[in-house]
Amino acid sequence: MTDWADAISRMVDAQREVREIDREHLWCHGQPAPPASRERIGLVQARRGVVLDSQYAEFLVHADGWPAFMQDVDLFGTSDLLGAPFDEAARLLSTLEPDVVDAGALDVAALIPVGASRTGIDLFVMPQAGGSTPNPVIWLAGLEVERYVSFEEFFPAMIEENLGEAADLREGQRESDG
């Protein structure tokens, strides 16, 4: 089981590293939202007619979403799940090419958008929960970019993505300063 306070702290540190090195302001930089109540999560599930993955729901109890979680991709909180960001992500999800759907064995109707780019086509989606087994997080950007076994695997991978972005920015600045 993930220690969400520690994981969130590590992500804050990784994003701070990106923000400090991002002199050209290439990316948005956000902070985690205050925790959601379990009642609010229940409201999302009732209004959307979905069952959220238990690991993702547990994350929401610690941080109710995260704007600019990675570059310009927002990790949805309950307000996003109830509003336009979810609707826009669902519309984008419905435009996936049939060969992408077939290759990933995706049941688009059962996928729940849990994150989306503000300016691009990146989506994070999860199948609707259906038991005690964790559901994968699938990163889509016109095609399947990556599939993580669970939300608890996805989150540290995104910490590493942010640290990698900081390293890339640092290297680029060394080359331009060089």
N, C-alpha and C. Protein backbone atom coordinates (compact mmCIF):
# COMPACT_ATOMS: atom_id res chain seq x y z
N MET A 1 0.84 -1.18 0.00
CA MET A 1 0.00 0.00 0.00
C MET A 1 0.89 1.25 0.00
N THR A 2 0.56 2.21 -0.81
CA THR A 2 1.35 3.41 -0.97
C THR A 2 1.19 4.35 0.21
N ASP A 3 2.29 4.91 0.66
CA ASP A 3 2.27 6.00 1.63
C ASP A 3 2.09 7.28 0.82
N TRP A 4 0.82 7.73 0.68
CA TRP A 4 0.52 8.83 -0.22
C TRP A 4 1.17 10.14 0.21
N ALA A 5 1.29 10.37 1.50
CA ALA A 5 1.95 11.61 1.95
C ALA A 5 3.39 11.64 1.44
N ASP A 6 4.09 10.52 1.53
CA ASP A 6 5.47 10.44 1.04
C ASP A 6 5.52 10.54 -0.48
N ALA A 7 4.66 9.83 -1.17
CA ALA A 7 4.66 9.86 -2.64
C ALA A 7 4.35 11.27 -3.15
N ILE A 8 3.38 11.93 -2.54
CA ILE A 8 3.03 13.29 -2.94
C ILE A 8 4.20 14.23 -2.68
N SER A 9 4.86 14.06 -1.55
CA SER A 9 6.03 14.89 -1.23
C SER A 9 7.15 14.68 -2.26
N ARG A 10 7.36 13.44 -2.68
CA ARG A 10 8.40 13.17 -3.68
C ARG A 10 8.04 13.79 -5.03
N MET A 11 6.75 13.78 -5.38
CA MET A 11 6.31 14.42 -6.62
C MET A 11 6.47 15.94 -6.53
N VAL A 12 6.13 16.51 -5.39
CA VAL A 12 6.32 17.96 -5.21
C VAL A 12 7.79 18.30 -5.40
N ASP A 13 8.68 17.52 -4.83
CA ASP A 13 10.12 17.74 -4.98
C ASP A 13 10.56 17.62 -6.44
N ALA A 14 10.06 16.61 -7.14
CA ALA A 14 10.41 16.41 -8.55
C ALA A 14 9.92 17.60 -9.38
N GLN A 15 8.72 18.05 -9.11
CA GLN A 15 8.19 19.18 -9.87
C GLN A 15 8.91 20.48 -9.53
N ARG A 16 9.34 20.62 -8.29
CA ARG A 16 10.13 21.79 -7.91
C ARG A 16 11.42 21.83 -8.72
N GLU A 17 12.01 20.66 -8.89
CA GLU A 17 13.24 20.56 -9.69
C GLU A 17 12.98 21.01 -11.13
N VAL A 18 11.88 20.57 -11.72
CA VAL A 18 11.52 20.99 -13.08
C VAL A 18 11.30 22.50 -13.11
N ARG A 19 10.53 23.01 -12.17
CA ARG A 19 10.20 24.44 -12.14
C ARG A 19 11.47 25.30 -12.03
N GLU A 20 12.40 24.89 -11.19
CA GLU A 20 13.63 25.67 -10.98
C GLU A 20 14.52 25.69 -12.21
N ILE A 21 14.51 24.66 -13.01
CA ILE A 21 15.38 24.58 -14.18
C ILE A 21 14.67 25.08 -15.45
N ASP A 22 13.35 25.22 -15.41
CA ASP A 22 12.54 25.61 -16.57
C ASP A 22 12.57 27.14 -16.75
N ARG A 23 13.73 27.66 -17.10
CA ARG A 23 13.90 29.12 -17.25
C ARG A 23 13.07 29.71 -18.38
N GLU A 24 12.77 28.90 -19.38
CA GLU A 24 12.00 29.40 -20.52
C GLU A 24 10.50 29.20 -20.34
N HIS A 25 10.10 28.68 -19.18
CA HIS A 25 8.68 28.48 -18.85
C HIS A 25 7.98 27.64 -19.92
N LEU A 26 8.60 26.50 -20.23
CA LEU A 26 8.03 25.59 -21.21
C LEU A 26 6.77 24.90 -20.68
N TRP A 27 6.75 24.66 -19.38
CA TRP A 27 5.67 23.85 -18.80
C TRP A 27 4.91 24.61 -17.73
N CYS A 28 3.68 24.18 -17.55
CA CYS A 28 2.86 24.66 -16.44
C CYS A 28 3.39 24.00 -15.17
N HIS A 29 3.16 24.64 -14.06
CA HIS A 29 3.61 24.07 -12.79
C HIS A 29 2.49 24.21 -11.78
N GLY A 30 2.05 23.09 -11.22
CA GLY A 30 0.94 23.11 -10.28
C GLY A 30 1.27 22.39 -8.99
N GLN A 31 0.35 22.47 -8.09
CA GLN A 31 0.47 21.81 -6.79
C GLN A 31 -0.74 20.89 -6.60
N PRO A 32 -0.60 19.88 -5.77
CA PRO A 32 -1.75 19.01 -5.53
C PRO A 32 -2.88 19.79 -4.85
N ALA A 33 -4.09 19.43 -5.17
CA ALA A 33 -5.26 20.05 -4.54
C ALA A 33 -5.47 19.46 -3.15
N PRO A 34 -6.14 20.20 -2.29
CA PRO A 34 -6.46 19.64 -0.96
C PRO A 34 -7.25 18.34 -1.09
N PRO A 35 -7.20 17.51 -0.07
CA PRO A 35 -7.87 16.20 -0.14
C PRO A 35 -9.37 16.29 -0.41
N ALA A 36 -9.88 15.26 -1.06
CA ALA A 36 -11.32 15.11 -1.27
C ALA A 36 -11.89 14.25 -0.14
N SER A 37 -13.14 14.45 0.14
CA SER A 37 -13.81 13.59 1.12
C SER A 37 -14.29 12.32 0.41
N ARG A 38 -14.47 11.29 1.15
CA ARG A 38 -15.00 10.04 0.58
C ARG A 38 -16.43 10.27 0.06
N GLU A 39 -17.15 11.17 0.70
CA GLU A 39 -18.50 11.50 0.23
C GLU A 39 -18.44 12.13 -1.16
N ARG A 40 -17.47 13.00 -1.37
CA ARG A 40 -17.31 13.65 -2.67
C ARG A 40 -16.97 12.62 -3.75
N ILE A 41 -16.12 11.68 -3.41
CA ILE A 41 -15.77 10.60 -4.35
C ILE A 41 -17.01 9.77 -4.66
N GLY A 42 -17.81 9.48 -3.65
CA GLY A 42 -19.06 8.77 -3.86
C GLY A 42 -20.01 9.54 -4.77
N LEU A 43 -20.03 10.86 -4.62
CA LEU A 43 -20.86 11.70 -5.48
C LEU A 43 -20.42 11.59 -6.94
N VAL A 44 -19.11 11.61 -7.16
CA VAL A 44 -18.58 11.45 -8.53
C VAL A 44 -19.06 10.13 -9.11
N GLN A 45 -18.91 9.07 -8.34
CA GLN A 45 -19.29 7.74 -8.84
C GLN A 45 -20.78 7.67 -9.13
N ALA A 46 -21.59 8.26 -8.26
CA ALA A 46 -23.04 8.23 -8.46
C ALA A 46 -23.44 9.07 -9.68
N ARG A 47 -22.91 10.28 -9.79
CA ARG A 47 -23.29 11.16 -10.90
C ARG A 47 -22.78 10.67 -12.24
N ARG A 48 -21.59 10.10 -12.26
CA ARG A 48 -21.02 9.62 -13.53
C ARG A 48 -21.42 8.17 -13.82
N GLY A 49 -21.96 7.48 -12.82
CA GLY A 49 -22.34 6.09 -13.04
C GLY A 49 -21.14 5.19 -13.25
N VAL A 50 -20.06 5.48 -12.53
CA VAL A 50 -18.83 4.71 -12.65
C VAL A 50 -18.37 4.25 -11.27
N VAL A 51 -17.47 3.30 -11.27
CA VAL A 51 -16.80 2.88 -10.05
C VAL A 51 -15.33 3.17 -10.25
N LEU A 52 -14.78 4.06 -9.42
CA LEU A 52 -13.37 4.41 -9.53
C LEU A 52 -12.50 3.33 -8.91
N ASP A 53 -11.35 3.15 -9.48
CA ASP A 53 -10.34 2.24 -8.93
C ASP A 53 -10.04 2.65 -7.49
N SER A 54 -9.90 1.67 -6.60
CA SER A 54 -9.69 1.97 -5.18
C SER A 54 -8.37 2.70 -4.92
N GLN A 55 -7.32 2.41 -5.69
CA GLN A 55 -6.04 3.10 -5.49
C GLN A 55 -6.15 4.57 -5.91
N TYR A 56 -6.82 4.82 -7.02
CA TYR A 56 -7.03 6.20 -7.47
C TYR A 56 -7.91 6.94 -6.47
N ALA A 57 -8.97 6.29 -6.00
CA ALA A 57 -9.84 6.92 -5.01
C ALA A 57 -9.06 7.24 -3.73
N GLU A 58 -8.18 6.36 -3.33
CA GLU A 58 -7.37 6.60 -2.13
C GLU A 58 -6.43 7.79 -2.35
N PHE A 59 -5.87 7.91 -3.54
CA PHE A 59 -5.06 9.08 -3.87
C PHE A 59 -5.89 10.36 -3.71
N LEU A 60 -7.13 10.34 -4.23
CA LEU A 60 -7.98 11.53 -4.16
C LEU A 60 -8.27 11.95 -2.72
N VAL A 61 -8.26 11.00 -1.80
CA VAL A 61 -8.46 11.31 -0.39
C VAL A 61 -7.25 12.07 0.18
N HIS A 62 -6.13 11.98 -0.52
CA HIS A 62 -4.91 12.68 -0.09
C HIS A 62 -4.63 13.93 -0.92
N ALA A 63 -5.06 13.92 -2.17
CA ALA A 63 -4.89 15.08 -3.07
C ALA A 63 -6.01 14.99 -4.11
N ASP A 64 -6.89 15.96 -4.07
CA ASP A 64 -8.06 15.93 -4.96
C ASP A 64 -7.70 16.47 -6.33
N GLY A 65 -6.77 15.75 -6.99
CA GLY A 65 -6.31 16.14 -8.31
C GLY A 65 -5.01 16.91 -8.24
N TRP A 66 -4.46 17.15 -9.46
CA TRP A 66 -3.16 17.81 -9.51
C TRP A 66 -3.03 18.50 -10.86
N PRO A 67 -3.23 19.82 -10.91
CA PRO A 67 -3.01 20.53 -12.17
C PRO A 67 -1.54 20.46 -12.57
N ALA A 68 -1.28 20.32 -13.85
CA ALA A 68 0.08 20.25 -14.38
C ALA A 68 0.89 19.17 -13.65
N PHE A 69 0.30 18.02 -13.53
CA PHE A 69 0.92 16.87 -12.88
C PHE A 69 2.20 16.46 -13.60
N MET A 70 2.15 16.54 -14.92
CA MET A 70 3.31 16.25 -15.75
C MET A 70 3.20 17.13 -17.00
N GLN A 71 4.11 18.06 -17.11
CA GLN A 71 4.09 19.04 -18.20
C GLN A 71 2.76 19.78 -18.17
N ASP A 72 1.91 19.63 -19.19
CA ASP A 72 0.61 20.31 -19.14
C ASP A 72 -0.54 19.33 -18.96
N VAL A 73 -0.23 18.15 -18.43
CA VAL A 73 -1.25 17.13 -18.20
C VAL A 73 -1.74 17.25 -16.76
N ASP A 74 -3.05 17.43 -16.61
CA ASP A 74 -3.67 17.49 -15.29
C ASP A 74 -4.12 16.10 -14.87
N LEU A 75 -3.86 15.76 -13.62
CA LEU A 75 -4.42 14.55 -13.02
C LEU A 75 -5.74 14.98 -12.38
N PHE A 76 -6.82 14.39 -12.81
CA PHE A 76 -8.14 14.85 -12.42
C PHE A 76 -8.45 14.65 -10.95
N GLY A 77 -9.10 15.67 -10.40
CA GLY A 77 -9.72 15.60 -9.08
C GLY A 77 -11.22 15.48 -9.27
N THR A 78 -11.94 15.52 -8.17
CA THR A 78 -13.38 15.31 -8.24
C THR A 78 -14.08 16.41 -9.04
N SER A 79 -13.63 17.65 -8.94
CA SER A 79 -14.26 18.72 -9.73
C SER A 79 -14.08 18.47 -11.22
N ASP A 80 -12.88 18.01 -11.60
CA ASP A 80 -12.62 17.69 -13.01
C ASP A 80 -13.48 16.52 -13.46
N LEU A 81 -13.59 15.51 -12.60
CA LEU A 81 -14.37 14.32 -12.94
C LEU A 81 -15.85 14.64 -13.10
N LEU A 82 -16.31 15.69 -12.42
CA LEU A 82 -17.72 16.08 -12.52
C LEU A 82 -17.97 17.14 -13.59
N GLY A 83 -16.90 17.68 -14.18
CA GLY A 83 -17.07 18.81 -15.06
C GLY A 83 -16.55 18.64 -16.47
N ALA A 84 -16.29 19.79 -17.08
CA ALA A 84 -15.87 19.85 -18.48
C ALA A 84 -14.57 19.10 -18.77
N PRO A 85 -13.55 19.13 -17.89
CA PRO A 85 -12.33 18.39 -18.23
C PRO A 85 -12.60 16.90 -18.51
N PHE A 86 -13.46 16.28 -17.71
CA PHE A 86 -13.81 14.87 -17.93
C PHE A 86 -14.54 14.73 -19.26
N ASP A 87 -15.51 15.60 -19.50
CA ASP A 87 -16.30 15.53 -20.74
C ASP A 87 -15.41 15.69 -21.98
N GLU A 88 -14.48 16.64 -21.92
CA GLU A 88 -13.57 16.86 -23.05
C GLU A 88 -12.65 15.66 -23.26
N ALA A 89 -12.16 15.09 -22.15
CA ALA A 89 -11.29 13.91 -22.26
C ALA A 89 -12.07 12.72 -22.82
N ALA A 90 -13.32 12.57 -22.41
CA ALA A 90 -14.15 11.47 -22.93
C ALA A 90 -14.39 11.65 -24.43
N ARG A 91 -14.60 12.89 -24.87
CA ARG A 91 -14.76 13.14 -26.31
C ARG A 91 -13.49 12.77 -27.06
N LEU A 92 -12.34 13.17 -26.52
CA LEU A 92 -11.07 12.84 -27.15
C LEU A 92 -10.87 11.32 -27.19
N LEU A 93 -11.21 10.66 -26.12
CA LEU A 93 -11.09 9.21 -26.05
C LEU A 93 -11.94 8.54 -27.13
N SER A 94 -13.08 9.11 -27.43
CA SER A 94 -13.98 8.51 -28.43
C SER A 94 -13.44 8.64 -29.85
N THR A 95 -12.37 9.43 -30.04
CA THR A 95 -11.80 9.62 -31.37
C THR A 95 -10.64 8.66 -31.67
N LEU A 96 -10.34 7.76 -30.73
CA LEU A 96 -9.24 6.82 -30.97
C LEU A 96 -9.51 6.00 -32.23
N GLU A 97 -8.47 5.80 -32.99
CA GLU A 97 -8.57 5.01 -34.21
C GLU A 97 -8.88 3.55 -33.85
N PRO A 98 -9.69 2.88 -34.66
CA PRO A 98 -10.05 1.48 -34.37
C PRO A 98 -8.84 0.56 -34.21
N ASP A 99 -7.77 0.80 -34.99
CA ASP A 99 -6.60 -0.08 -34.85
C ASP A 99 -5.91 0.10 -33.50
N VAL A 100 -5.97 1.30 -32.93
CA VAL A 100 -5.40 1.55 -31.59
C VAL A 100 -6.25 0.84 -30.54
N VAL A 101 -7.55 0.93 -30.70
CA VAL A 101 -8.48 0.26 -29.78
C VAL A 101 -8.25 -1.24 -29.83
N ASP A 102 -8.16 -1.78 -31.04
CA ASP A 102 -7.95 -3.23 -31.21
C ASP A 102 -6.59 -3.67 -30.67
N ALA A 103 -5.54 -2.92 -30.99
CA ALA A 103 -4.19 -3.29 -30.56
C ALA A 103 -4.07 -3.32 -29.04
N GLY A 104 -4.75 -2.39 -28.38
CA GLY A 104 -4.69 -2.33 -26.91
C GLY A 104 -5.79 -3.11 -26.23
N ALA A 105 -6.63 -3.78 -27.02
CA ALA A 105 -7.79 -4.49 -26.47
C ALA A 105 -8.56 -3.59 -25.52
N LEU A 106 -8.83 -2.37 -25.98
CA LEU A 106 -9.48 -1.36 -25.15
C LEU A 106 -10.99 -1.42 -25.31
N ASP A 107 -11.68 -1.40 -24.20
CA ASP A 107 -13.13 -1.24 -24.19
C ASP A 107 -13.37 0.23 -23.87
N VAL A 108 -13.43 1.05 -24.89
CA VAL A 108 -13.49 2.51 -24.73
C VAL A 108 -14.66 2.91 -23.84
N ALA A 109 -15.79 2.22 -23.95
CA ALA A 109 -16.96 2.56 -23.14
C ALA A 109 -16.73 2.34 -21.65
N ALA A 110 -15.78 1.49 -21.29
CA ALA A 110 -15.50 1.19 -19.89
C ALA A 110 -14.31 1.97 -19.34
N LEU A 111 -13.70 2.82 -20.17
CA LEU A 111 -12.53 3.58 -19.72
C LEU A 111 -12.97 4.90 -19.08
N ILE A 112 -12.31 5.23 -17.99
CA ILE A 112 -12.58 6.47 -17.27
C ILE A 112 -11.37 7.38 -17.42
N PRO A 113 -11.53 8.56 -18.02
CA PRO A 113 -10.41 9.50 -18.08
C PRO A 113 -10.07 9.99 -16.66
N VAL A 114 -8.79 9.88 -16.29
CA VAL A 114 -8.35 10.36 -14.98
C VAL A 114 -7.31 11.47 -15.12
N GLY A 115 -6.99 11.83 -16.36
CA GLY A 115 -6.06 12.92 -16.60
C GLY A 115 -6.03 13.25 -18.08
N ALA A 116 -5.68 14.51 -18.37
CA ALA A 116 -5.62 14.93 -19.77
C ALA A 116 -4.74 16.15 -19.92
N SER A 117 -4.16 16.25 -21.11
CA SER A 117 -3.36 17.41 -21.48
C SER A 117 -4.28 18.61 -21.70
N ARG A 118 -3.79 19.77 -21.34
CA ARG A 118 -4.54 21.00 -21.59
C ARG A 118 -4.46 21.42 -23.05
N THR A 119 -3.38 21.03 -23.74
CA THR A 119 -3.15 21.52 -25.09
C THR A 119 -2.94 20.42 -26.13
N GLY A 120 -2.73 19.19 -25.69
CA GLY A 120 -2.41 18.12 -26.62
C GLY A 120 -3.43 17.00 -26.57
N ILE A 121 -2.98 15.82 -26.93
CA ILE A 121 -3.88 14.67 -27.00
C ILE A 121 -3.56 13.61 -25.95
N ASP A 122 -2.68 13.92 -25.02
CA ASP A 122 -2.34 12.95 -23.97
C ASP A 122 -3.53 12.75 -23.04
N LEU A 123 -3.83 11.49 -22.76
CA LEU A 123 -4.87 11.10 -21.82
C LEU A 123 -4.33 10.02 -20.90
N PHE A 124 -4.75 10.06 -19.65
CA PHE A 124 -4.56 8.95 -18.73
C PHE A 124 -5.95 8.39 -18.49
N VAL A 125 -6.13 7.10 -18.72
CA VAL A 125 -7.43 6.47 -18.53
C VAL A 125 -7.26 5.20 -17.70
N MET A 126 -8.35 4.82 -17.06
CA MET A 126 -8.39 3.57 -16.30
C MET A 126 -9.70 2.86 -16.61
N PRO A 127 -9.67 1.54 -16.68
CA PRO A 127 -10.94 0.82 -16.79
C PRO A 127 -11.76 1.04 -15.52
N GLN A 128 -13.06 1.00 -15.69
CA GLN A 128 -13.94 1.10 -14.53
C GLN A 128 -13.64 -0.06 -13.57
N ALA A 129 -13.60 0.24 -12.29
CA ALA A 129 -13.28 -0.78 -11.28
C ALA A 129 -14.34 -1.87 -11.28
N GLY A 130 -13.87 -3.07 -11.07
CA GLY A 130 -14.80 -4.19 -11.06
C GLY A 130 -14.32 -5.31 -10.17
N GLY A 131 -13.95 -5.00 -8.96
CA GLY A 131 -13.45 -6.03 -8.06
C GLY A 131 -12.29 -5.49 -7.25
N SER A 132 -11.60 -6.40 -6.60
CA SER A 132 -10.51 -5.99 -5.72
C SER A 132 -9.17 -5.89 -6.44
N THR A 133 -9.10 -6.34 -7.68
CA THR A 133 -7.86 -6.28 -8.44
C THR A 133 -7.63 -4.85 -8.93
N PRO A 134 -6.43 -4.31 -8.71
CA PRO A 134 -6.15 -2.96 -9.22
C PRO A 134 -6.28 -2.91 -10.75
N ASN A 135 -6.70 -1.77 -11.22
CA ASN A 135 -6.86 -1.56 -12.65
C ASN A 135 -5.65 -0.83 -13.21
N PRO A 136 -5.32 -1.09 -14.47
CA PRO A 136 -4.18 -0.38 -15.06
C PRO A 136 -4.50 1.08 -15.34
N VAL A 137 -3.45 1.86 -15.42
CA VAL A 137 -3.54 3.22 -15.94
C VAL A 137 -2.91 3.15 -17.32
N ILE A 138 -3.65 3.65 -18.30
CA ILE A 138 -3.19 3.58 -19.68
C ILE A 138 -2.95 5.01 -20.17
N TRP A 139 -1.75 5.25 -20.65
CA TRP A 139 -1.38 6.56 -21.19
C TRP A 139 -1.58 6.50 -22.69
N LEU A 140 -2.47 7.32 -23.19
CA LEU A 140 -2.77 7.39 -24.61
C LEU A 140 -2.39 8.75 -25.16
N ALA A 141 -1.89 8.77 -26.36
CA ALA A 141 -1.62 10.01 -27.10
C ALA A 141 -1.77 9.68 -28.58
N GLY A 142 -3.01 9.41 -28.95
CA GLY A 142 -3.28 8.95 -30.31
C GLY A 142 -3.05 7.46 -30.45
N LEU A 143 -2.13 6.94 -29.68
CA LEU A 143 -1.86 5.51 -29.57
C LEU A 143 -1.48 5.23 -28.13
N GLU A 144 -1.30 3.99 -27.80
CA GLU A 144 -0.95 3.66 -26.42
C GLU A 144 0.54 3.94 -26.20
N VAL A 145 0.82 4.85 -25.29
CA VAL A 145 2.20 5.22 -24.97
C VAL A 145 2.77 4.26 -23.93
N GLU A 146 1.99 3.99 -22.91
CA GLU A 146 2.46 3.16 -21.80
C GLU A 146 1.24 2.60 -21.07
N ARG A 147 1.44 1.46 -20.45
CA ARG A 147 0.39 0.86 -19.62
C ARG A 147 1.03 0.49 -18.29
N TYR A 148 0.48 1.01 -17.23
CA TYR A 148 0.98 0.76 -15.88
C TYR A 148 0.02 -0.23 -15.21
N VAL A 149 0.55 -1.16 -14.47
CA VAL A 149 -0.25 -2.23 -13.87
C VAL A 149 -1.33 -1.67 -12.93
N SER A 150 -1.00 -0.58 -12.24
CA SER A 150 -1.93 -0.02 -11.25
C SER A 150 -1.63 1.46 -11.06
N PHE A 151 -2.53 2.14 -10.37
CA PHE A 151 -2.29 3.55 -10.06
C PHE A 151 -1.07 3.68 -9.15
N GLU A 152 -0.88 2.72 -8.26
CA GLU A 152 0.29 2.75 -7.37
C GLU A 152 1.60 2.55 -8.13
N GLU A 153 1.57 1.95 -9.30
CA GLU A 153 2.76 1.86 -10.15
C GLU A 153 2.90 3.11 -11.02
N PHE A 154 1.78 3.63 -11.46
CA PHE A 154 1.74 4.82 -12.32
C PHE A 154 2.34 6.04 -11.62
N PHE A 155 1.97 6.27 -10.38
CA PHE A 155 2.37 7.50 -9.70
C PHE A 155 3.90 7.64 -9.60
N PRO A 156 4.63 6.64 -9.11
CA PRO A 156 6.09 6.78 -9.08
C PRO A 156 6.71 6.88 -10.47
N ALA A 157 6.07 6.25 -11.46
CA ALA A 157 6.58 6.38 -12.83
C ALA A 157 6.47 7.83 -13.30
N MET A 158 5.43 8.53 -12.87
CA MET A 158 5.27 9.94 -13.23
C MET A 158 6.26 10.83 -12.47
N ILE A 159 6.63 10.41 -11.27
CA ILE A 159 7.71 11.12 -10.56
C ILE A 159 8.98 11.02 -11.40
N GLU A 160 9.26 9.81 -11.89
CA GLU A 160 10.45 9.61 -12.72
C GLU A 160 10.35 10.39 -14.03
N GLU A 161 9.17 10.48 -14.61
CA GLU A 161 8.99 11.29 -15.83
C GLU A 161 9.35 12.75 -15.56
N ASN A 162 8.91 13.27 -14.42
CA ASN A 162 9.22 14.65 -14.07
C ASN A 162 10.73 14.83 -13.82
N LEU A 163 11.34 13.88 -13.13
CA LEU A 163 12.79 13.96 -12.91
C LEU A 163 13.54 13.87 -14.23
N GLY A 164 13.06 13.04 -15.15
CA GLY A 164 13.66 12.95 -16.48
C GLY A 164 13.52 14.26 -17.24
N GLU A 165 12.37 14.90 -17.10
CA GLU A 165 12.15 16.21 -17.74
C GLU A 165 13.14 17.24 -17.18
N ALA A 166 13.34 17.22 -15.87
CA ALA A 166 14.31 18.14 -15.25
C ALA A 166 15.71 17.88 -15.81
N ALA A 167 16.09 16.61 -15.92
CA ALA A 167 17.41 16.27 -16.46
C ALA A 167 17.54 16.73 -17.91
N ASP A 168 16.49 16.53 -18.71
CA ASP A 168 16.53 16.98 -20.10
C ASP A 168 16.66 18.50 -20.19
N LEU A 169 15.92 19.22 -19.37
CA LEU A 169 16.01 20.68 -19.36
C LEU A 169 17.41 21.14 -18.94
N ARG A 170 17.94 20.48 -17.92
CA ARG A 170 19.28 20.82 -17.42
C ARG A 170 20.32 20.61 -18.52
N GLU A 171 20.22 19.48 -19.23
CA GLU A 171 21.16 19.17 -20.32
C GLU A 171 21.01 20.20 -21.44
N GLY A 172 19.79 20.54 -21.78
CA GLY A 172 19.57 21.55 -22.82
C GLY A 172 20.15 22.90 -22.45
N GLN A 173 20.05 23.24 -21.19
CA GLN A 173 20.61 24.53 -20.75
C GLN A 173 22.12 24.49 -20.76
N ARG A 174 22.71 23.35 -20.42
CA ARG A 174 24.17 23.21 -20.48
C ARG A 174 24.65 23.41 -21.90
N GLU A 175 23.93 22.80 -22.83
CA GLU A 175 24.31 22.93 -24.25
C GLU A 175 24.18 24.36 -24.74
N SER A 176 23.11 25.05 -24.33
CA SER A 176 22.91 26.42 -24.80
C SER A 176 23.85 27.41 -24.09
N ASP A 177 24.25 27.08 -22.85
CA ASP A 177 25.19 27.93 -22.09
C ASP A 177 26.62 27.69 -22.54
N GLY A 178 26.84 26.47 -23.08
CA GLY A 178 28.15 25.94 -23.39
C GLY A 178 28.97 26.74 -24.28
